[in-house]
Amino acid sequence: MEQKLIEWMKSNLGKILESPRKEIFKGGNPPQNFKIVEVNENKKRIKIKFMKMGTLLPLEFWRFDKIIELIATGDRTRLGTSLKPYDHSTIEWKLQEQAKKRYGRKSDSKTAPHIADILVLHGIAEYGYARNPKTNRNNQALKKV
């Protein structure tokens, strides 16, 4: 993972961060505020804590790298924020599949929107919409800046 991103996370350690999805994607359930409570370079992960419920979510560095790789073309890539039904062209589906292989699990936590929030807050990416080819509806999407 980029050292600049790690340094940004360290500089925001303990600060309450607001998801940029609140302003960009209005409607539905608003995303929770969160804070980065740990940046562990040895374990190659961070932990975020959601302010409303207090839930901790570890986010491994490989997940950030994978999303950055997926958006490297500059095209908007759909997030796939719901866990089912899986859409093989979304960021979430690709993270889920890689996690299953890495950890031998049948399922994994939803992480794409939270990692995307951090990438947008850092300035690496931006939110927008991309058309879902199956439903012809606009979906939440991410693009490299």
N, C-alpha and C. Protein backbone atom coordinates (compact mmCIF):
# COMPACT_ATOMS: atom_id res chain seq x y z
N MET A 1 0.85 -1.18 0.00
CA MET A 1 0.00 0.00 0.00
C MET A 1 0.89 1.24 0.00
N GLU A 2 0.39 2.29 -0.66
CA GLU A 2 1.14 3.54 -0.74
C GLU A 2 1.46 4.09 0.65
N GLN A 3 2.68 4.52 0.84
CA GLN A 3 3.09 5.09 2.12
C GLN A 3 2.31 6.38 2.41
N LYS A 4 2.00 7.15 1.37
CA LYS A 4 1.24 8.39 1.57
C LYS A 4 -0.13 8.10 2.18
N LEU A 5 -0.76 7.02 1.73
CA LEU A 5 -2.07 6.64 2.26
C LEU A 5 -1.94 6.19 3.71
N ILE A 6 -0.90 5.43 4.01
CA ILE A 6 -0.67 4.99 5.40
C ILE A 6 -0.45 6.21 6.29
N GLU A 7 0.35 7.15 5.83
CA GLU A 7 0.60 8.36 6.62
C GLU A 7 -0.67 9.17 6.81
N TRP A 8 -1.52 9.24 5.78
CA TRP A 8 -2.78 9.94 5.92
C TRP A 8 -3.65 9.29 6.98
N MET A 9 -3.69 7.95 6.95
CA MET A 9 -4.49 7.23 7.96
C MET A 9 -3.95 7.49 9.36
N LYS A 10 -2.63 7.47 9.50
CA LYS A 10 -2.03 7.75 10.81
C LYS A 10 -2.35 9.17 11.28
N SER A 11 -2.34 10.12 10.36
CA SER A 11 -2.62 11.51 10.74
C SER A 11 -4.09 11.73 11.10
N ASN A 12 -4.94 10.80 10.70
CA ASN A 12 -6.37 10.89 11.02
C ASN A 12 -6.79 9.88 12.09
N LEU A 13 -5.84 9.24 12.70
CA LEU A 13 -6.10 8.26 13.75
C LEU A 13 -6.90 8.92 14.88
N GLY A 14 -8.03 8.30 15.22
CA GLY A 14 -8.85 8.79 16.33
C GLY A 14 -9.81 9.91 15.98
N LYS A 15 -9.72 10.47 14.78
CA LYS A 15 -10.64 11.54 14.37
C LYS A 15 -11.92 10.92 13.81
N ILE A 16 -13.03 11.55 14.12
CA ILE A 16 -14.30 11.08 13.55
C ILE A 16 -14.37 11.55 12.10
N LEU A 17 -14.56 10.60 11.20
CA LEU A 17 -14.62 10.86 9.77
C LEU A 17 -16.04 10.63 9.27
N GLU A 18 -16.50 11.51 8.41
CA GLU A 18 -17.83 11.38 7.85
C GLU A 18 -17.73 10.83 6.44
N SER A 19 -18.54 9.84 6.16
CA SER A 19 -18.53 9.23 4.84
C SER A 19 -18.94 10.25 3.79
N PRO A 20 -18.14 10.40 2.73
CA PRO A 20 -18.52 11.30 1.65
C PRO A 20 -19.76 10.80 0.91
N ARG A 21 -20.14 9.54 1.11
CA ARG A 21 -21.35 9.01 0.47
C ARG A 21 -22.60 9.71 0.97
N LYS A 22 -22.56 10.30 2.17
CA LYS A 22 -23.74 10.99 2.71
C LYS A 22 -24.19 12.12 1.80
N GLU A 23 -23.24 12.86 1.27
CA GLU A 23 -23.56 14.01 0.43
C GLU A 23 -23.77 13.62 -1.03
N ILE A 24 -23.05 12.65 -1.50
CA ILE A 24 -23.08 12.31 -2.92
C ILE A 24 -24.24 11.39 -3.28
N PHE A 25 -24.48 10.39 -2.44
CA PHE A 25 -25.54 9.42 -2.70
C PHE A 25 -26.64 9.61 -1.65
N LYS A 26 -27.56 10.49 -1.93
CA LYS A 26 -28.64 10.77 -0.98
C LYS A 26 -29.72 9.72 -1.11
N GLY A 27 -30.43 9.50 -0.01
CA GLY A 27 -31.50 8.51 -0.01
C GLY A 27 -31.03 7.22 0.62
N GLY A 28 -31.96 6.40 1.02
CA GLY A 28 -31.61 5.14 1.66
C GLY A 28 -31.03 5.37 3.04
N ASN A 29 -30.43 4.36 3.58
CA ASN A 29 -29.80 4.48 4.90
C ASN A 29 -28.49 5.25 4.78
N PRO A 30 -28.35 6.32 5.55
CA PRO A 30 -27.09 7.06 5.46
C PRO A 30 -25.94 6.25 6.08
N PRO A 31 -24.76 6.33 5.48
CA PRO A 31 -23.61 5.61 6.03
C PRO A 31 -23.20 6.20 7.38
N GLN A 32 -22.63 5.37 8.23
CA GLN A 32 -22.22 5.79 9.56
C GLN A 32 -20.89 6.54 9.54
N ASN A 33 -20.76 7.48 10.46
CA ASN A 33 -19.46 8.08 10.72
C ASN A 33 -18.57 7.01 11.33
N PHE A 34 -17.28 7.17 11.15
CA PHE A 34 -16.33 6.17 11.67
C PHE A 34 -15.04 6.87 12.05
N LYS A 35 -14.21 6.14 12.76
CA LYS A 35 -12.86 6.63 13.00
C LYS A 35 -11.87 5.49 12.84
N ILE A 36 -10.68 5.86 12.44
CA ILE A 36 -9.59 4.89 12.33
C ILE A 36 -9.01 4.76 13.74
N VAL A 37 -9.06 3.55 14.29
CA VAL A 37 -8.59 3.36 15.66
C VAL A 37 -7.25 2.63 15.73
N GLU A 38 -6.81 2.09 14.59
CA GLU A 38 -5.52 1.40 14.57
C GLU A 38 -4.97 1.40 13.15
N VAL A 39 -3.68 1.67 13.04
CA VAL A 39 -2.94 1.49 11.79
C VAL A 39 -1.76 0.59 12.16
N ASN A 40 -1.80 -0.65 11.71
CA ASN A 40 -0.78 -1.62 12.09
C ASN A 40 -0.03 -2.07 10.83
N GLU A 41 1.15 -1.50 10.64
CA GLU A 41 1.94 -1.84 9.45
C GLU A 41 2.50 -3.26 9.53
N ASN A 42 2.75 -3.78 10.72
CA ASN A 42 3.25 -5.15 10.85
C ASN A 42 2.19 -6.16 10.43
N LYS A 43 0.95 -5.95 10.86
CA LYS A 43 -0.15 -6.86 10.49
C LYS A 43 -0.77 -6.48 9.15
N LYS A 44 -0.32 -5.37 8.57
CA LYS A 44 -0.80 -4.88 7.28
C LYS A 44 -2.32 -4.72 7.27
N ARG A 45 -2.79 -3.95 8.26
CA ARG A 45 -4.21 -3.67 8.34
C ARG A 45 -4.47 -2.43 9.17
N ILE A 46 -5.67 -1.91 9.00
CA ILE A 46 -6.16 -0.87 9.89
C ILE A 46 -7.43 -1.40 10.53
N LYS A 47 -7.87 -0.73 11.57
CA LYS A 47 -9.19 -1.02 12.14
C LYS A 47 -9.95 0.29 12.19
N ILE A 48 -11.23 0.20 11.75
CA ILE A 48 -12.10 1.35 11.88
C ILE A 48 -13.21 0.99 12.87
N LYS A 49 -13.73 2.02 13.51
CA LYS A 49 -14.82 1.85 14.47
C LYS A 49 -15.98 2.71 14.01
N PHE A 50 -17.15 2.10 13.89
CA PHE A 50 -18.35 2.83 13.50
C PHE A 50 -18.92 3.50 14.74
N MET A 51 -19.25 4.78 14.61
CA MET A 51 -19.62 5.58 15.76
C MET A 51 -20.99 5.21 16.33
N LYS A 52 -21.93 4.86 15.48
CA LYS A 52 -23.28 4.59 15.95
C LYS A 52 -23.36 3.31 16.77
N MET A 53 -22.78 2.24 16.27
CA MET A 53 -22.89 0.94 16.92
C MET A 53 -21.62 0.53 17.68
N GLY A 54 -20.51 1.20 17.41
CA GLY A 54 -19.26 0.84 18.06
C GLY A 54 -18.57 -0.38 17.49
N THR A 55 -19.07 -0.86 16.36
CA THR A 55 -18.51 -2.05 15.71
C THR A 55 -17.12 -1.76 15.18
N LEU A 56 -16.21 -2.70 15.40
CA LEU A 56 -14.85 -2.61 14.86
C LEU A 56 -14.78 -3.43 13.58
N LEU A 57 -14.11 -2.89 12.57
CA LEU A 57 -13.94 -3.60 11.31
C LEU A 57 -12.49 -3.51 10.88
N PRO A 58 -11.79 -4.66 10.84
CA PRO A 58 -10.42 -4.64 10.33
C PRO A 58 -10.44 -4.59 8.80
N LEU A 59 -9.55 -3.79 8.25
CA LEU A 59 -9.42 -3.64 6.79
C LEU A 59 -7.96 -3.87 6.43
N GLU A 60 -7.71 -4.98 5.77
CA GLU A 60 -6.34 -5.33 5.42
C GLU A 60 -5.85 -4.47 4.25
N PHE A 61 -4.55 -4.23 4.23
CA PHE A 61 -3.95 -3.40 3.19
C PHE A 61 -4.22 -3.95 1.79
N TRP A 62 -4.25 -5.28 1.63
CA TRP A 62 -4.47 -5.84 0.30
C TRP A 62 -5.80 -5.39 -0.29
N ARG A 63 -6.79 -5.12 0.56
CA ARG A 63 -8.10 -4.66 0.07
C ARG A 63 -7.97 -3.27 -0.58
N PHE A 64 -7.20 -2.40 0.04
CA PHE A 64 -6.97 -1.07 -0.54
C PHE A 64 -6.25 -1.21 -1.87
N ASP A 65 -5.21 -2.05 -1.89
CA ASP A 65 -4.45 -2.27 -3.12
C ASP A 65 -5.34 -2.80 -4.24
N LYS A 66 -6.23 -3.73 -3.90
CA LYS A 66 -7.11 -4.34 -4.90
C LYS A 66 -8.06 -3.29 -5.48
N ILE A 67 -8.63 -2.44 -4.63
CA ILE A 67 -9.54 -1.41 -5.14
C ILE A 67 -8.78 -0.42 -6.00
N ILE A 68 -7.61 -0.01 -5.57
CA ILE A 68 -6.81 0.92 -6.38
C ILE A 68 -6.49 0.30 -7.74
N GLU A 69 -6.19 -0.98 -7.75
CA GLU A 69 -5.94 -1.70 -9.00
C GLU A 69 -7.19 -1.71 -9.89
N LEU A 70 -8.36 -1.94 -9.29
CA LEU A 70 -9.61 -2.04 -10.04
C LEU A 70 -10.04 -0.71 -10.65
N ILE A 71 -9.67 0.40 -10.02
CA ILE A 71 -10.09 1.71 -10.54
C ILE A 71 -8.97 2.40 -11.32
N ALA A 72 -7.87 1.71 -11.52
CA ALA A 72 -6.69 2.31 -12.18
C ALA A 72 -6.97 2.76 -13.60
N THR A 73 -7.95 2.19 -14.26
CA THR A 73 -8.24 2.56 -15.66
C THR A 73 -8.82 3.96 -15.77
N GLY A 74 -9.35 4.48 -14.67
CA GLY A 74 -9.97 5.80 -14.71
C GLY A 74 -11.46 5.74 -14.99
N ASP A 75 -11.96 4.55 -15.36
CA ASP A 75 -13.40 4.38 -15.56
C ASP A 75 -14.07 4.20 -14.20
N ARG A 76 -15.33 4.56 -14.12
CA ARG A 76 -16.08 4.34 -12.89
C ARG A 76 -16.37 2.84 -12.75
N THR A 77 -16.09 2.31 -11.57
CA THR A 77 -16.34 0.91 -11.26
C THR A 77 -17.39 0.85 -10.15
N ARG A 78 -18.44 0.07 -10.38
CA ARG A 78 -19.52 0.00 -9.41
C ARG A 78 -19.06 -0.64 -8.11
N LEU A 79 -19.53 -0.06 -6.98
CA LEU A 79 -19.13 -0.56 -5.67
C LEU A 79 -19.75 -1.91 -5.35
N GLY A 80 -21.05 -2.05 -5.60
CA GLY A 80 -21.72 -3.30 -5.22
C GLY A 80 -21.91 -3.34 -3.73
N THR A 81 -22.60 -2.34 -3.19
CA THR A 81 -22.67 -2.17 -1.73
C THR A 81 -23.54 -3.19 -1.02
N SER A 82 -24.41 -3.90 -1.72
CA SER A 82 -25.17 -4.95 -1.04
C SER A 82 -24.42 -6.27 -1.20
N LEU A 83 -24.59 -7.13 -0.22
CA LEU A 83 -23.87 -8.40 -0.26
C LEU A 83 -24.50 -9.43 -1.20
N LYS A 84 -25.79 -9.34 -1.44
CA LYS A 84 -26.46 -10.27 -2.33
C LYS A 84 -27.48 -9.51 -3.14
N PRO A 85 -27.78 -9.83 -4.35
CA PRO A 85 -27.09 -10.86 -5.11
C PRO A 85 -25.74 -10.35 -5.62
N TYR A 86 -24.82 -11.25 -5.72
CA TYR A 86 -23.48 -10.84 -6.15
C TYR A 86 -23.48 -10.50 -7.63
N ASP A 87 -22.81 -9.45 -7.94
CA ASP A 87 -22.62 -9.03 -9.31
C ASP A 87 -21.12 -9.09 -9.56
N HIS A 88 -20.71 -9.94 -10.42
CA HIS A 88 -19.29 -10.24 -10.64
C HIS A 88 -18.46 -9.07 -11.14
N SER A 89 -19.10 -8.00 -11.55
CA SER A 89 -18.34 -6.85 -12.06
C SER A 89 -18.14 -5.75 -11.01
N THR A 90 -18.57 -5.99 -9.78
CA THR A 90 -18.45 -4.95 -8.75
C THR A 90 -17.19 -5.12 -7.90
N ILE A 91 -16.80 -4.03 -7.29
CA ILE A 91 -15.65 -4.05 -6.38
C ILE A 91 -15.90 -4.98 -5.21
N GLU A 92 -17.09 -4.89 -4.63
CA GLU A 92 -17.40 -5.74 -3.46
C GLU A 92 -17.29 -7.21 -3.80
N TRP A 93 -17.83 -7.63 -4.93
CA TRP A 93 -17.77 -9.04 -5.29
C TRP A 93 -16.32 -9.50 -5.43
N LYS A 94 -15.49 -8.66 -6.06
CA LYS A 94 -14.10 -9.04 -6.26
C LYS A 94 -13.34 -9.13 -4.93
N LEU A 95 -13.64 -8.24 -3.99
CA LEU A 95 -13.03 -8.33 -2.66
C LEU A 95 -13.50 -9.57 -1.93
N GLN A 96 -14.80 -9.86 -2.01
CA GLN A 96 -15.36 -11.05 -1.37
C GLN A 96 -14.68 -12.32 -1.88
N GLU A 97 -14.55 -12.43 -3.19
CA GLU A 97 -13.94 -13.62 -3.77
C GLU A 97 -12.48 -13.78 -3.35
N GLN A 98 -11.73 -12.69 -3.34
CA GLN A 98 -10.33 -12.77 -2.94
C GLN A 98 -10.22 -13.14 -1.47
N ALA A 99 -11.07 -12.59 -0.62
CA ALA A 99 -11.04 -12.91 0.81
C ALA A 99 -11.37 -14.38 1.05
N LYS A 100 -12.34 -14.90 0.32
CA LYS A 100 -12.71 -16.32 0.48
C LYS A 100 -11.51 -17.21 0.16
N LYS A 101 -10.79 -16.86 -0.91
CA LYS A 101 -9.62 -17.65 -1.30
C LYS A 101 -8.49 -17.51 -0.27
N ARG A 102 -8.25 -16.30 0.17
CA ARG A 102 -7.15 -16.05 1.12
C ARG A 102 -7.37 -16.73 2.46
N TYR A 103 -8.61 -16.68 2.94
CA TYR A 103 -8.89 -17.10 4.31
C TYR A 103 -9.69 -18.39 4.41
N GLY A 104 -10.08 -18.97 3.28
CA GLY A 104 -10.83 -20.21 3.28
C GLY A 104 -12.21 -20.07 3.91
N ARG A 105 -12.83 -18.92 3.73
CA ARG A 105 -14.16 -18.66 4.30
C ARG A 105 -15.23 -18.85 3.22
N LYS A 106 -16.45 -19.05 3.71
CA LYS A 106 -17.58 -19.11 2.79
C LYS A 106 -18.13 -17.72 2.50
N SER A 107 -17.92 -16.79 3.43
CA SER A 107 -18.37 -15.41 3.23
C SER A 107 -17.40 -14.47 3.93
N ASP A 108 -17.58 -13.18 3.69
CA ASP A 108 -16.68 -12.18 4.25
C ASP A 108 -17.48 -10.93 4.57
N SER A 109 -16.93 -10.05 5.36
CA SER A 109 -17.59 -8.79 5.70
C SER A 109 -17.62 -7.86 4.50
N LYS A 110 -18.64 -7.02 4.45
CA LYS A 110 -18.72 -6.00 3.41
C LYS A 110 -17.69 -4.92 3.74
N THR A 111 -16.78 -4.66 2.82
CA THR A 111 -15.71 -3.70 3.09
C THR A 111 -15.53 -2.63 2.02
N ALA A 112 -15.99 -2.88 0.80
CA ALA A 112 -15.73 -1.95 -0.31
C ALA A 112 -16.16 -0.52 -0.04
N PRO A 113 -17.38 -0.27 0.47
CA PRO A 113 -17.78 1.12 0.67
C PRO A 113 -16.93 1.85 1.70
N HIS A 114 -16.48 1.15 2.72
CA HIS A 114 -15.70 1.78 3.78
C HIS A 114 -14.28 2.11 3.31
N ILE A 115 -13.71 1.20 2.54
CA ILE A 115 -12.39 1.47 1.96
C ILE A 115 -12.50 2.59 0.94
N ALA A 116 -13.56 2.56 0.15
CA ALA A 116 -13.77 3.63 -0.84
C ALA A 116 -13.90 4.98 -0.15
N ASP A 117 -14.59 5.03 1.00
CA ASP A 117 -14.69 6.28 1.75
C ASP A 117 -13.31 6.83 2.09
N ILE A 118 -12.44 5.96 2.57
CA ILE A 118 -11.09 6.38 2.95
C ILE A 118 -10.32 6.87 1.72
N LEU A 119 -10.44 6.17 0.61
CA LEU A 119 -9.74 6.58 -0.61
C LEU A 119 -10.26 7.92 -1.11
N VAL A 120 -11.56 8.16 -1.00
CA VAL A 120 -12.14 9.45 -1.42
C VAL A 120 -11.70 10.55 -0.46
N LEU A 121 -11.76 10.29 0.84
CA LEU A 121 -11.34 11.30 1.82
C LEU A 121 -9.86 11.66 1.64
N HIS A 122 -9.04 10.69 1.27
CA HIS A 122 -7.62 10.94 1.04
C HIS A 122 -7.37 11.66 -0.28
N GLY A 123 -8.30 11.55 -1.23
CA GLY A 123 -8.15 12.22 -2.51
C GLY A 123 -7.64 11.34 -3.63
N ILE A 124 -7.57 10.05 -3.41
CA ILE A 124 -7.11 9.11 -4.44
C ILE A 124 -8.23 8.81 -5.44
N ALA A 125 -9.47 8.86 -4.94
CA ALA A 125 -10.62 8.46 -5.76
C ALA A 125 -11.76 9.44 -5.57
N GLU A 126 -12.77 9.29 -6.43
CA GLU A 126 -13.98 10.10 -6.29
C GLU A 126 -15.19 9.22 -6.57
N TYR A 127 -16.30 9.60 -5.97
CA TYR A 127 -17.55 8.88 -6.18
C TYR A 127 -18.30 9.43 -7.38
N GLY A 128 -19.17 8.61 -7.89
CA GLY A 128 -20.06 8.98 -8.97
C GLY A 128 -21.00 7.82 -9.22
N TYR A 129 -21.55 7.77 -10.39
CA TYR A 129 -22.49 6.70 -10.75
C TYR A 129 -21.99 5.98 -11.99
N ALA A 130 -22.36 4.71 -12.06
CA ALA A 130 -22.11 3.91 -13.26
C ALA A 130 -23.36 3.06 -13.51
N ARG A 131 -23.68 2.88 -14.76
CA ARG A 131 -24.87 2.14 -15.14
C ARG A 131 -24.67 0.65 -14.91
N ASN A 132 -25.66 0.02 -14.28
CA ASN A 132 -25.66 -1.42 -14.10
C ASN A 132 -26.20 -2.03 -15.39
N PRO A 133 -25.40 -2.84 -16.07
CA PRO A 133 -25.85 -3.40 -17.35
C PRO A 133 -27.03 -4.36 -17.22
N LYS A 134 -27.21 -4.96 -16.06
CA LYS A 134 -28.32 -5.91 -15.87
C LYS A 134 -29.64 -5.20 -15.61
N THR A 135 -29.60 -4.11 -14.83
CA THR A 135 -30.84 -3.44 -14.45
C THR A 135 -31.05 -2.12 -15.17
N ASN A 136 -30.01 -1.62 -15.82
CA ASN A 136 -30.01 -0.33 -16.51
C ASN A 136 -30.21 0.83 -15.53
N ARG A 137 -29.94 0.60 -14.25
CA ARG A 137 -30.04 1.65 -13.24
C ARG A 137 -28.64 2.15 -12.91
N ASN A 138 -28.58 3.40 -12.43
CA ASN A 138 -27.31 3.95 -11.98
C ASN A 138 -26.99 3.42 -10.58
N ASN A 139 -25.76 2.97 -10.39
CA ASN A 139 -25.30 2.46 -9.11
C ASN A 139 -24.13 3.30 -8.60
N GLN A 140 -23.90 3.22 -7.29
CA GLN A 140 -22.75 3.90 -6.70
C GLN A 140 -21.48 3.33 -7.34
N ALA A 141 -20.56 4.25 -7.66
CA ALA A 141 -19.33 3.83 -8.33
C ALA A 141 -18.15 4.66 -7.84
N LEU A 142 -16.98 4.17 -8.12
CA LEU A 142 -15.73 4.81 -7.69
C LEU A 142 -14.82 4.92 -8.90
N LYS A 143 -14.03 6.00 -8.91
CA LYS A 143 -13.11 6.24 -10.01
C LYS A 143 -11.83 6.85 -9.45
N LYS A 144 -10.71 6.49 -10.04
CA LYS A 144 -9.42 7.08 -9.65
C LYS A 144 -9.38 8.54 -10.08
N VAL A 145 -8.82 9.38 -9.24
CA VAL A 145 -8.70 10.81 -9.56
C VAL A 145 -7.47 11.02 -10.40
